[in-house]
Amino acid sequence: MVYMTRGVCSKTIEVELDGETIKHVKFHGGCPGNLKGISQLVVGMNARDVIKKLRGTTCGYRDTSCPDQLSIALEQALNKNS
């Protein structure tokens, strides 16, 4: 699934789940090192656990962030799979 982000530097997030387990995450745009790190950290984790940890994370003056946008993308992927 490809999620179109809102209000952040990254433009899209690719998300692939195996059930509720995160199989693949890739950000397009944004801060490359940080987003590669986040992507590697969450692979193998339960999507619901990641959503709980990342939801509401802000970036500077923005009311969202790339991690927050990832939580939204994961929610949509879970809803799509159910």
C-alpha atoms as a PDB file:
ATOM      1  CA  MET A   1       0.000   0.000   0.000  1.00  0.00           C
ATOM      2  CA  VAL A   2       1.217   3.525  -0.759  1.00  0.00           C
ATOM      3  CA  TYR A   3       0.121   6.308   1.594  1.00  0.00           C
ATOM      4  CA  MET A   4       0.232   9.958   0.449  1.00  0.00           C
ATOM      5  CA  THR A   5       1.510  11.965   3.418  1.00  0.00           C
ATOM      6  CA  ARG A   6       0.161  15.327   4.586  1.00  0.00           C
ATOM      7  CA  GLY A   7       2.062  18.168   6.230  1.00  0.00           C
ATOM      8  CA  VAL A   8       5.541  16.589   6.228  1.00  0.00           C
ATOM      9  CA  CYS A   9       8.661  16.525   4.051  1.00  0.00           C
ATOM     10  CA  SER A  10       8.243  12.923   2.897  1.00  0.00           C
ATOM     11  CA  LYS A  11       5.766  12.593   0.042  1.00  0.00           C
ATOM     12  CA  THR A  12       4.705   8.954   0.303  1.00  0.00           C
ATOM     13  CA  ILE A  13       5.160   5.920   2.548  1.00  0.00           C
ATOM     14  CA  GLU A  14       5.119   2.362   1.230  1.00  0.00           C
ATOM     15  CA  VAL A  15       3.757  -0.099   3.798  1.00  0.00           C
ATOM     16  CA  GLU A  16       3.480  -3.872   3.537  1.00  0.00           C
ATOM     17  CA  LEU A  17       1.942  -5.996   6.290  1.00  0.00           C
ATOM     18  CA  ASP A  18       1.762  -9.714   6.909  1.00  0.00           C
ATOM     19  CA  GLY A  19      -1.388  -9.839   8.985  1.00  0.00           C
ATOM     20  CA  GLU A  20      -0.610  -7.280  11.712  1.00  0.00           C
ATOM     21  CA  THR A  21       3.163  -7.647  11.380  1.00  0.00           C
ATOM     22  CA  ILE A  22       5.076  -4.951   9.513  1.00  0.00           C
ATOM     23  CA  LYS A  23       6.942  -6.559   6.628  1.00  0.00           C
ATOM     24  CA  HIS A  24       8.233  -3.461   4.752  1.00  0.00           C
ATOM     25  CA  VAL A  25       8.260   0.334   5.171  1.00  0.00           C
ATOM     26  CA  LYS A  26       9.839   2.845   2.806  1.00  0.00           C
ATOM     27  CA  PHE A  27       9.574   6.639   2.965  1.00  0.00           C
ATOM     28  CA  HIS A  28       9.985   8.704  -0.212  1.00  0.00           C
ATOM     29  CA  GLY A  29      11.457  12.111   0.568  1.00  0.00           C
ATOM     30  CA  GLY A  30      12.148  13.536   4.001  1.00  0.00           C
ATOM     31  CA  CYS A  31      15.250  13.011   6.164  1.00  0.00           C
ATOM     32  CA  PRO A  32      16.865   9.911   4.619  1.00  0.00           C
ATOM     33  CA  GLY A  33      18.919   8.619   7.544  1.00  0.00           C
ATOM     34  CA  ASN A  34      16.223   9.087  10.170  1.00  0.00           C
ATOM     35  CA  LEU A  35      13.489   7.586   8.035  1.00  0.00           C
ATOM     36  CA  LYS A  36      15.610   4.599   6.972  1.00  0.00           C
ATOM     37  CA  GLY A  37      16.315   4.013  10.660  1.00  0.00           C
ATOM     38  CA  ILE A  38      12.636   4.174  11.613  1.00  0.00           C
ATOM     39  CA  SER A  39      11.786   1.839   8.731  1.00  0.00           C
ATOM     40  CA  GLN A  40      14.352  -0.726   9.884  1.00  0.00           C
ATOM     41  CA  LEU A  41      13.282  -0.486  13.522  1.00  0.00           C
ATOM     42  CA  VAL A  42       9.596  -1.178  12.875  1.00  0.00           C
ATOM     43  CA  VAL A  43       9.996  -4.156  10.507  1.00  0.00           C
ATOM     44  CA  GLY A  44       8.903  -7.290  12.351  1.00  0.00           C
ATOM     45  CA  MET A  45       6.862  -5.349  14.901  1.00  0.00           C
ATOM     46  CA  ASN A  46       3.114  -5.492  15.417  1.00  0.00           C
ATOM     47  CA  ALA A  47       1.537  -2.568  13.542  1.00  0.00           C
ATOM     48  CA  ARG A  48      -0.831  -1.766  16.440  1.00  0.00           C
ATOM     49  CA  ASP A  49       2.117  -1.424  18.841  1.00  0.00           C
ATOM     50  CA  VAL A  50       3.900   0.932  16.446  1.00  0.00           C
ATOM     51  CA  ILE A  51       0.737   3.015  16.011  1.00  0.00           C
ATOM     52  CA  LYS A  52       0.457   3.424  19.809  1.00  0.00           C
ATOM     53  CA  LYS A  53       4.091   4.550  20.077  1.00  0.00           C
ATOM     54  CA  LEU A  54       4.210   6.931  17.113  1.00  0.00           C
ATOM     55  CA  ARG A  55       0.711   8.477  17.019  1.00  0.00           C
ATOM     56  CA  GLY A  56       0.781  12.175  17.882  1.00  0.00           C
ATOM     57  CA  THR A  57       4.524  12.698  17.377  1.00  0.00           C
ATOM     58  CA  THR A  58       5.118  16.249  16.153  1.00  0.00           C
ATOM     59  CA  CYS A  59       7.929  17.852  14.144  1.00  0.00           C
ATOM     60  CA  GLY A  60       8.878  21.410  15.096  1.00  0.00           C
ATOM     61  CA  TYR A  61       5.853  23.678  14.777  1.00  0.00           C
ATOM     62  CA  ARG A  62       3.861  21.094  12.799  1.00  0.00           C
ATOM     63  CA  ASP A  63       1.065  19.103  14.428  1.00  0.00           C
ATOM     64  CA  THR A  64       2.284  15.947  12.654  1.00  0.00           C
ATOM     65  CA  SER A  65       5.567  14.270  11.664  1.00  0.00           C
ATOM     66  CA  CYS A  66       6.802  11.437   9.495  1.00  0.00           C
ATOM     67  CA  PRO A  67       6.410   8.957  12.396  1.00  0.00           C
ATOM     68  CA  ASP A  68       2.853  10.240  12.998  1.00  0.00           C
ATOM     69  CA  GLN A  69       2.113   9.869   9.285  1.00  0.00           C
ATOM     70  CA  LEU A  70       3.477   6.312   9.446  1.00  0.00           C
ATOM     71  CA  SER A  71       0.992   5.544  12.222  1.00  0.00           C
ATOM     72  CA  ILE A  72      -1.838   6.778   9.994  1.00  0.00           C
ATOM     73  CA  ALA A  73      -0.542   4.727   7.041  1.00  0.00           C
ATOM     74  CA  LEU A  74      -0.386   1.623   9.245  1.00  0.00           C
ATOM     75  CA  GLU A  75      -3.965   2.175  10.425  1.00  0.00           C
ATOM     76  CA  GLN A  76      -5.134   2.427   6.837  1.00  0.00           C
ATOM     77  CA  ALA A  77      -3.212  -0.718   5.884  1.00  0.00           C
ATOM     78  CA  LEU A  78      -4.760  -2.606   8.817  1.00  0.00           C
ATOM     79  CA  ASN A  79      -8.255  -1.421   7.842  1.00  0.00           C
ATOM     80  CA  LYS A  80      -7.616  -2.401   4.216  1.00  0.00           C
ATOM     81  CA  ASN A  81      -6.553  -5.903   5.277  1.00  0.00           C
ATOM     82  CA  SER A  82      -9.566  -6.525   7.520  1.00  0.00           C
END
